[in-house]
């Protein structure tokens, strides 16, 4: 997804959860509390990659469901 967002000239902050504890904790905060992750957790999956938009306003797992033009604003 990182390459996809870059190719589309969309500004984003990339966090690698294996880089440090803060990044992992940030991801786990969303994963443990956001309803978008419920089905993923039930299936025993992690939920990565994902895109968190506007501090959790929306969480997207499939780039095909992104509104590219809206993200470019």
PDB file of N, CA and C in Angstrom:
ATOM      1  N   UNK A   1       0.806  -1.191   0.000  1.00  0.00           N
ATOM      2  CA  UNK A   1       0.000   0.000   0.000  1.00  0.00           C
ATOM      3  C   UNK A   1       0.855   1.263   0.000  1.00  0.00           C
ATOM      4  N   UNK A   2       1.996   1.176   0.619  1.00  0.00           N
ATOM      5  CA  UNK A   2       2.904   2.320   0.663  1.00  0.00           C
ATOM      6  C   UNK A   2       3.243   2.791  -0.750  1.00  0.00           C
ATOM      7  N   UNK A   3       3.593   1.857  -1.615  1.00  0.00           N
ATOM      8  CA  UNK A   3       3.942   2.201  -2.993  1.00  0.00           C
ATOM      9  C   UNK A   3       2.736   2.758  -3.737  1.00  0.00           C
ATOM     10  N   UNK A   4       1.572   2.163  -3.498  1.00  0.00           N
ATOM     11  CA  UNK A   4       0.343   2.612  -4.147  1.00  0.00           C
ATOM     12  C   UNK A   4       0.048   4.066  -3.790  1.00  0.00           C
ATOM     13  N   UNK A   5       0.112   4.396  -2.503  1.00  0.00           N
ATOM     14  CA  UNK A   5      -0.154   5.770  -2.069  1.00  0.00           C
ATOM     15  C   UNK A   5       0.881   6.739  -2.647  1.00  0.00           C
ATOM     16  N   UNK A   6       2.131   6.326  -2.664  1.00  0.00           N
ATOM     17  CA  UNK A   6       3.183   7.170  -3.244  1.00  0.00           C
ATOM     18  C   UNK A   6       2.939   7.397  -4.726  1.00  0.00           C
ATOM     19  N   UNK A   7       2.607   6.343  -5.446  1.00  0.00           N
ATOM     20  CA  UNK A   7       2.345   6.451  -6.889  1.00  0.00           C
ATOM     21  C   UNK A   7       1.176   7.382  -7.177  1.00  0.00           C
ATOM     22  N   UNK A   8       0.218   7.448  -6.256  1.00  0.00           N
ATOM     23  CA  UNK A   8      -0.959   8.313  -6.437  1.00  0.00           C
ATOM     24  C   UNK A   8      -0.741   9.720  -5.883  1.00  0.00           C
ATOM     25  N   UNK A   9       0.485   9.998  -5.402  1.00  0.00           N
ATOM     26  CA  UNK A   9       0.834  11.310  -4.836  1.00  0.00           C
ATOM     27  C   UNK A   9      -0.064  11.701  -3.660  1.00  0.00           C
ATOM     28  N   UNK A  10      -0.348  10.729  -2.805  1.00  0.00           N
ATOM     29  CA  UNK A  10      -1.154  10.967  -1.614  1.00  0.00           C
ATOM     30  C   UNK A  10      -0.209  11.112  -0.426  1.00  0.00           C
ATOM     31  N   UNK A  11      -0.378  12.178   0.338  1.00  0.00           N
ATOM     32  CA  UNK A  11       0.443  12.388   1.528  1.00  0.00           C
ATOM     33  C   UNK A  11       0.016  11.397   2.600  1.00  0.00           C
ATOM     34  N   UNK A  12       1.001  10.765   3.233  1.00  0.00           N
ATOM     35  CA  UNK A  12       0.685   9.803   4.285  1.00  0.00           C
ATOM     36  C   UNK A  12       1.870   9.656   5.230  1.00  0.00           C
ATOM     37  N   UNK A  13       1.586   9.143   6.390  1.00  0.00           N
ATOM     38  CA  UNK A  13       2.604   8.816   7.370  1.00  0.00           C
ATOM     39  C   UNK A  13       2.675   7.299   7.428  1.00  0.00           C
ATOM     40  N   UNK A  14       3.839   6.755   7.155  1.00  0.00           N
ATOM     41  CA  UNK A  14       4.035   5.311   7.153  1.00  0.00           C
ATOM     42  C   UNK A  14       4.628   4.886   8.488  1.00  0.00           C
ATOM     43  N   UNK A  15       3.993   3.937   9.144  1.00  0.00           N
ATOM     44  CA  UNK A  15       4.514   3.400  10.391  1.00  0.00           C
ATOM     45  C   UNK A  15       4.810   1.916  10.224  1.00  0.00           C
ATOM     46  N   UNK A  16       6.029   1.542  10.504  1.00  0.00           N
ATOM     47  CA  UNK A  16       6.445   0.137  10.483  1.00  0.00           C
ATOM     48  C   UNK A  16       6.330  -0.367  11.914  1.00  0.00           C
ATOM     49  N   UNK A  17       5.409  -1.304  12.167  1.00  0.00           N
ATOM     50  CA  UNK A  17       5.164  -1.748  13.547  1.00  0.00           C
ATOM     51  C   UNK A  17       6.334  -2.520  14.135  1.00  0.00           C
ATOM     52  N   UNK A  18       7.251  -2.963  13.290  1.00  0.00           N
ATOM     53  CA  UNK A  18       8.418  -3.684  13.813  1.00  0.00           C
ATOM     54  C   UNK A  18       9.593  -2.750  14.111  1.00  0.00           C
ATOM     55  N   UNK A  19       9.423  -1.475  13.808  1.00  0.00           N
ATOM     56  CA  UNK A  19      10.499  -0.498  14.007  1.00  0.00           C
ATOM     57  C   UNK A  19      10.708  -0.153  15.485  1.00  0.00           C
ATOM     58  N   UNK A  20       9.593   0.026  16.204  1.00  0.00           N
ATOM     59  CA  UNK A  20       9.715   0.347  17.626  1.00  0.00           C
ATOM     60  C   UNK A  20       8.397   0.053  18.349  1.00  0.00           C
ATOM     61  N   UNK A  21       8.446   0.091  19.662  1.00  0.00           N
ATOM     62  CA  UNK A  21       7.283  -0.223  20.480  1.00  0.00           C
ATOM     63  C   UNK A  21       6.150   0.779  20.309  1.00  0.00           C
ATOM     64  N   UNK A  22       6.487   2.043  20.134  1.00  0.00           N
ATOM     65  CA  UNK A  22       5.454   3.060  19.968  1.00  0.00           C
ATOM     66  C   UNK A  22       4.593   2.781  18.734  1.00  0.00           C
ATOM     67  N   UNK A  23       5.226   2.438  17.621  1.00  0.00           N
ATOM     68  CA  UNK A  23       4.473   2.125  16.407  1.00  0.00           C
ATOM     69  C   UNK A  23       3.581   0.902  16.615  1.00  0.00           C
ATOM     70  N   UNK A  24       4.104  -0.125  17.273  1.00  0.00           N
ATOM     71  CA  UNK A  24       3.311  -1.326  17.540  1.00  0.00           C
ATOM     72  C   UNK A  24       2.130  -0.986  18.449  1.00  0.00           C
ATOM     73  N   UNK A  25       2.352  -0.206  19.480  1.00  0.00           N
ATOM     74  CA  UNK A  25       1.275   0.174  20.396  1.00  0.00           C
ATOM     75  C   UNK A  25       0.206   0.994  19.681  1.00  0.00           C
ATOM     76  N   UNK A  26       0.633   1.871  18.785  1.00  0.00           N
ATOM     77  CA  UNK A  26      -0.317   2.674  18.018  1.00  0.00           C
ATOM     78  C   UNK A  26      -1.219   1.782  17.182  1.00  0.00           C
ATOM     79  N   UNK A  27      -0.628   0.810  16.489  1.00  0.00           N
ATOM     80  CA  UNK A  27      -1.422  -0.118  15.690  1.00  0.00           C
ATOM     81  C   UNK A  27      -2.360  -0.937  16.576  1.00  0.00           C
ATOM     82  N   UNK A  28      -1.849  -1.464  17.683  1.00  0.00           N
ATOM     83  CA  UNK A  28      -2.663  -2.302  18.564  1.00  0.00           C
ATOM     84  C   UNK A  28      -3.830  -1.537  19.175  1.00  0.00           C
ATOM     85  N   UNK A  29      -3.647  -0.242  19.396  1.00  0.00           N
ATOM     86  CA  UNK A  29      -4.747   0.594  19.902  1.00  0.00           C
ATOM     87  C   UNK A  29      -5.931   0.537  18.934  1.00  0.00           C
ATOM     88  N   UNK A  30      -5.648   0.698  17.661  1.00  0.00           N
ATOM     89  CA  UNK A  30      -6.715   0.617  16.653  1.00  0.00           C
ATOM     90  C   UNK A  30      -7.246  -0.807  16.536  1.00  0.00           C
ATOM     91  N   UNK A  31      -6.359  -1.768  16.469  1.00  0.00           N
ATOM     92  CA  UNK A  31      -6.765  -3.152  16.271  1.00  0.00           C
ATOM     93  C   UNK A  31      -7.643  -3.652  17.410  1.00  0.00           C
ATOM     94  N   UNK A  32      -7.350  -3.237  18.621  1.00  0.00           N
ATOM     95  CA  UNK A  32      -8.098  -3.720  19.774  1.00  0.00           C
ATOM     96  C   UNK A  32      -9.414  -2.993  20.001  1.00  0.00           C
ATOM     97  N   UNK A  33      -9.580  -1.818  19.396  1.00  0.00           N
ATOM     98  CA  UNK A  33     -10.789  -1.049  19.686  1.00  0.00           C
ATOM     99  C   UNK A  33     -11.674  -0.739  18.481  1.00  0.00           C
ATOM    100  N   UNK A  34     -11.137  -0.793  17.285  1.00  0.00           N
ATOM    101  CA  UNK A  34     -11.925  -0.422  16.100  1.00  0.00           C
ATOM    102  C   UNK A  34     -12.779  -1.598  15.609  1.00  0.00           C
ATOM    103  N   UNK A  35     -14.060  -1.360  15.378  1.00  0.00           N
ATOM    104  CA  UNK A  35     -14.944  -2.442  14.918  1.00  0.00           C
ATOM    105  C   UNK A  35     -14.543  -3.024  13.559  1.00  0.00           C
ATOM    106  N   UNK A  36     -13.817  -2.257  12.751  1.00  0.00           N
ATOM    107  CA  UNK A  36     -13.388  -2.753  11.437  1.00  0.00           C
ATOM    108  C   UNK A  36     -12.502  -3.992  11.552  1.00  0.00           C
ATOM    109  N   UNK A  37     -11.873  -4.178  12.691  1.00  0.00           N
ATOM    110  CA  UNK A  37     -10.965  -5.309  12.874  1.00  0.00           C
ATOM    111  C   UNK A  37     -11.652  -6.569  13.411  1.00  0.00           C
ATOM    112  N   UNK A  38     -12.911  -6.490  13.782  1.00  0.00           N
ATOM    113  CA  UNK A  38     -13.580  -7.635  14.416  1.00  0.00           C
ATOM    114  C   UNK A  38     -13.540  -8.904  13.556  1.00  0.00           C
ATOM    115  N   UNK A  39     -13.939  -8.802  12.312  1.00  0.00           N
ATOM    116  CA  UNK A  39     -13.941  -9.984  11.429  1.00  0.00           C
ATOM    117  C   UNK A  39     -12.532 -10.499  11.190  1.00  0.00           C
ATOM    118  N   UNK A  40     -11.603  -9.600  11.089  1.00  0.00           N
ATOM    119  CA  UNK A  40     -10.206  -9.981  10.869  1.00  0.00           C
ATOM    120  C   UNK A  40      -9.682 -10.765  12.067  1.00  0.00           C
ATOM    121  N   UNK A  41      -9.975 -10.287  13.274  1.00  0.00           N
ATOM    122  CA  UNK A  41      -9.523 -10.984  14.480  1.00  0.00           C
ATOM    123  C   UNK A  41     -10.192 -12.351  14.602  1.00  0.00           C
ATOM    124  N   UNK A  42     -11.495 -12.425  14.278  1.00  0.00           N
ATOM    125  CA  UNK A  42     -12.210 -13.712  14.327  1.00  0.00           C
ATOM    126  C   UNK A  42     -11.576 -14.727  13.387  1.00  0.00           C
ATOM    127  N   UNK A  43     -11.053 -14.249  12.266  1.00  0.00           N
ATOM    128  CA  UNK A  43     -10.427 -15.131  11.273  1.00  0.00           C
ATOM    129  C   UNK A  43      -8.989 -15.460  11.643  1.00  0.00           C
ATOM    130  N   UNK A  44      -8.505 -14.909  12.762  1.00  0.00           N
ATOM    131  CA  UNK A  44      -7.139 -15.182  13.205  1.00  0.00           C
ATOM    132  C   UNK A  44      -6.078 -14.431  12.429  1.00  0.00           C
ATOM    133  N   UNK A  45      -6.493 -13.358  11.733  1.00  0.00           N
ATOM    134  CA  UNK A  45      -5.534 -12.571  10.970  1.00  0.00           C
ATOM    135  C   UNK A  45      -5.111 -11.341  11.762  1.00  0.00           C
ATOM    136  N   UNK A  46      -4.047 -10.695  11.335  1.00  0.00           N
ATOM    137  CA  UNK A  46      -3.497  -9.545  12.046  1.00  0.00           C
ATOM    138  C   UNK A  46      -4.196  -8.249  11.655  1.00  0.00           C
ATOM    139  N   UNK A  47      -4.459  -8.066  10.378  1.00  0.00           N
ATOM    140  CA  UNK A  47      -5.086  -6.829   9.923  1.00  0.00           C
ATOM    141  C   UNK A  47      -4.127  -5.879   9.256  1.00  0.00           C
ATOM    142  N   UNK A  48      -3.046  -6.420   8.748  1.00  0.00           N
ATOM    143  CA  UNK A  48      -2.068  -5.615   8.029  1.00  0.00           C
ATOM    144  C   UNK A  48      -1.932  -6.119   6.606  1.00  0.00           C
ATOM    145  N   UNK A  49      -1.704  -5.276   5.665  1.00  0.00           N
ATOM    146  CA  UNK A  49      -1.592  -3.829   5.785  1.00  0.00           C
ATOM    147  C   UNK A  49      -2.974  -3.197   5.951  1.00  0.00           C
ATOM    148  N   UNK A  50      -2.984  -2.016   6.494  1.00  0.00           N
ATOM    149  CA  UNK A  50      -4.216  -1.244   6.593  1.00  0.00           C
ATOM    150  C   UNK A  50      -3.864   0.235   6.502  1.00  0.00           C
ATOM    151  N   UNK A  51      -4.867   1.011   6.175  1.00  0.00           N
ATOM    152  CA  UNK A  51      -4.711   2.458   6.109  1.00  0.00           C
ATOM    153  C   UNK A  51      -5.680   3.056   7.116  1.00  0.00           C
ATOM    154  N   UNK A  52      -5.151   3.832   8.043  1.00  0.00           N
ATOM    155  CA  UNK A  52      -5.967   4.520   9.041  1.00  0.00           C
ATOM    156  C   UNK A  52      -6.079   5.969   8.582  1.00  0.00           C
ATOM    157  N   UNK A  53      -7.297   6.403   8.346  1.00  0.00           N
ATOM    158  CA  UNK A  53      -7.537   7.745   7.820  1.00  0.00           C
ATOM    159  C   UNK A  53      -8.060   8.647   8.935  1.00  0.00           C
ATOM    160  N   UNK A  54      -7.440   9.817   9.050  1.00  0.00           N
ATOM    161  CA  UNK A  54      -7.858  10.835  10.023  1.00  0.00           C
ATOM    162  C   UNK A  54      -8.004  10.273  11.433  1.00  0.00           C
ATOM    163  N   UNK A  55      -6.930   9.709  11.957  1.00  0.00           N
ATOM    164  CA  UNK A  55      -6.891   9.220  13.332  1.00  0.00           C
ATOM    165  C   UNK A  55      -7.991   8.218  13.661  1.00  0.00           C
ATOM    166  N   UNK A  56      -8.295   7.346  12.709  1.00  0.00           N
ATOM    167  CA  UNK A  56      -9.255   6.278  12.969  1.00  0.00           C
ATOM    168  C   UNK A  56     -10.657   6.552  12.483  1.00  0.00           C
ATOM    169  N   UNK A  57     -10.870   7.677  11.819  1.00  0.00           N
ATOM    170  CA  UNK A  57     -12.189   7.992  11.272  1.00  0.00           C
ATOM    171  C   UNK A  57     -12.642   6.896  10.308  1.00  0.00           C
ATOM    172  N   UNK A  58     -11.682   6.354   9.595  1.00  0.00           N
ATOM    173  CA  UNK A  58     -11.945   5.250   8.656  1.00  0.00           C
ATOM    174  C   UNK A  58     -10.707   4.366   8.627  1.00  0.00           C
ATOM    175  N   UNK A  59     -10.932   3.048   8.547  1.00  0.00           N
ATOM    176  CA  UNK A  59      -9.829   2.097   8.419  1.00  0.00           C
ATOM    177  C   UNK A  59     -10.104   1.248   7.193  1.00  0.00           C
ATOM    178  N   UNK A  60      -9.120   1.187   6.297  1.00  0.00           N
ATOM    179  CA  UNK A  60      -9.280   0.519   5.015  1.00  0.00           C
ATOM    180  C   UNK A  60      -8.252  -0.593   4.892  1.00  0.00           C
ATOM    181  N   UNK A  61      -8.706  -1.752   4.423  1.00  0.00           N
ATOM    182  CA  UNK A  61      -7.814  -2.890   4.235  1.00  0.00           C
ATOM    183  C   UNK A  61      -7.564  -3.205   2.769  1.00  0.00           C
ATOM    184  N   UNK A  62      -8.407  -2.675   1.904  1.00  0.00           N
ATOM    185  CA  UNK A  62      -8.312  -2.962   0.473  1.00  0.00           C
ATOM    186  C   UNK A  62      -8.212  -1.650  -0.292  1.00  0.00           C
ATOM    187  N   UNK A  63      -7.093  -1.459  -0.976  1.00  0.00           N
ATOM    188  CA  UNK A  63      -6.891  -0.182  -1.685  1.00  0.00           C
ATOM    189  C   UNK A  63      -7.953   0.075  -2.742  1.00  0.00           C
ATOM    190  N   UNK A  64      -8.617  -0.974  -3.229  1.00  0.00           N
ATOM    191  CA  UNK A  64      -9.664  -0.794  -4.237  1.00  0.00           C
ATOM    192  C   UNK A  64     -10.858  -0.018  -3.673  1.00  0.00           C
ATOM    193  N   UNK A  65     -11.026  -0.033  -2.355  1.00  0.00           N
ATOM    194  CA  UNK A  65     -12.161   0.658  -1.750  1.00  0.00           C
ATOM    195  C   UNK A  65     -11.848   2.104  -1.374  1.00  0.00           C
ATOM    196  N   UNK A  66     -10.640   2.567  -1.683  1.00  0.00           N
ATOM    197  CA  UNK A  66     -10.250   3.945  -1.372  1.00  0.00           C
ATOM    198  C   UNK A  66     -10.827   4.930  -2.384  1.00  0.00           C
ATOM    199  N   UNK A  67     -11.242   6.075  -1.907  1.00  0.00           N
ATOM    200  CA  UNK A  67     -11.636   7.181  -2.776  1.00  0.00           C
ATOM    201  C   UNK A  67     -10.386   8.039  -2.981  1.00  0.00           C
ATOM    202  N   UNK A  68      -9.639   7.731  -4.017  1.00  0.00           N
ATOM    203  CA  UNK A  68      -8.350   8.363  -4.280  1.00  0.00           C
ATOM    204  C   UNK A  68      -8.467   9.876  -4.374  1.00  0.00           C
ATOM    205  N   UNK A  69      -9.442  10.366  -5.077  1.00  0.00           N
ATOM    206  CA  UNK A  69      -9.589  11.812  -5.259  1.00  0.00           C
ATOM    207  C   UNK A  69      -9.857  12.502  -3.929  1.00  0.00           C
ATOM    208  N   UNK A  70     -10.628  11.879  -3.068  1.00  0.00           N
ATOM    209  CA  UNK A  70     -10.908  12.456  -1.746  1.00  0.00           C
ATOM    210  C   UNK A  70      -9.637  12.506  -0.907  1.00  0.00           C
ATOM    211  N   UNK A  71      -8.806  11.490  -0.990  1.00  0.00           N
ATOM    212  CA  UNK A  71      -7.563  11.458  -0.227  1.00  0.00           C
ATOM    213  C   UNK A  71      -6.564  12.503  -0.696  1.00  0.00           C
ATOM    214  N   UNK A  72      -6.637  12.882  -1.933  1.00  0.00           N
ATOM    215  CA  UNK A  72      -5.693  13.857  -2.484  1.00  0.00           C
ATOM    216  C   UNK A  72      -5.997  15.276  -2.014  1.00  0.00           C
ATOM    217  N   UNK A  73      -7.179  15.493  -1.458  1.00  0.00           N
ATOM    218  CA  UNK A  73      -7.571  16.844  -1.004  1.00  0.00           C
ATOM    219  C   UNK A  73      -6.832  17.242   0.234  1.00  0.00           C
TER     220      UNK A  73
END
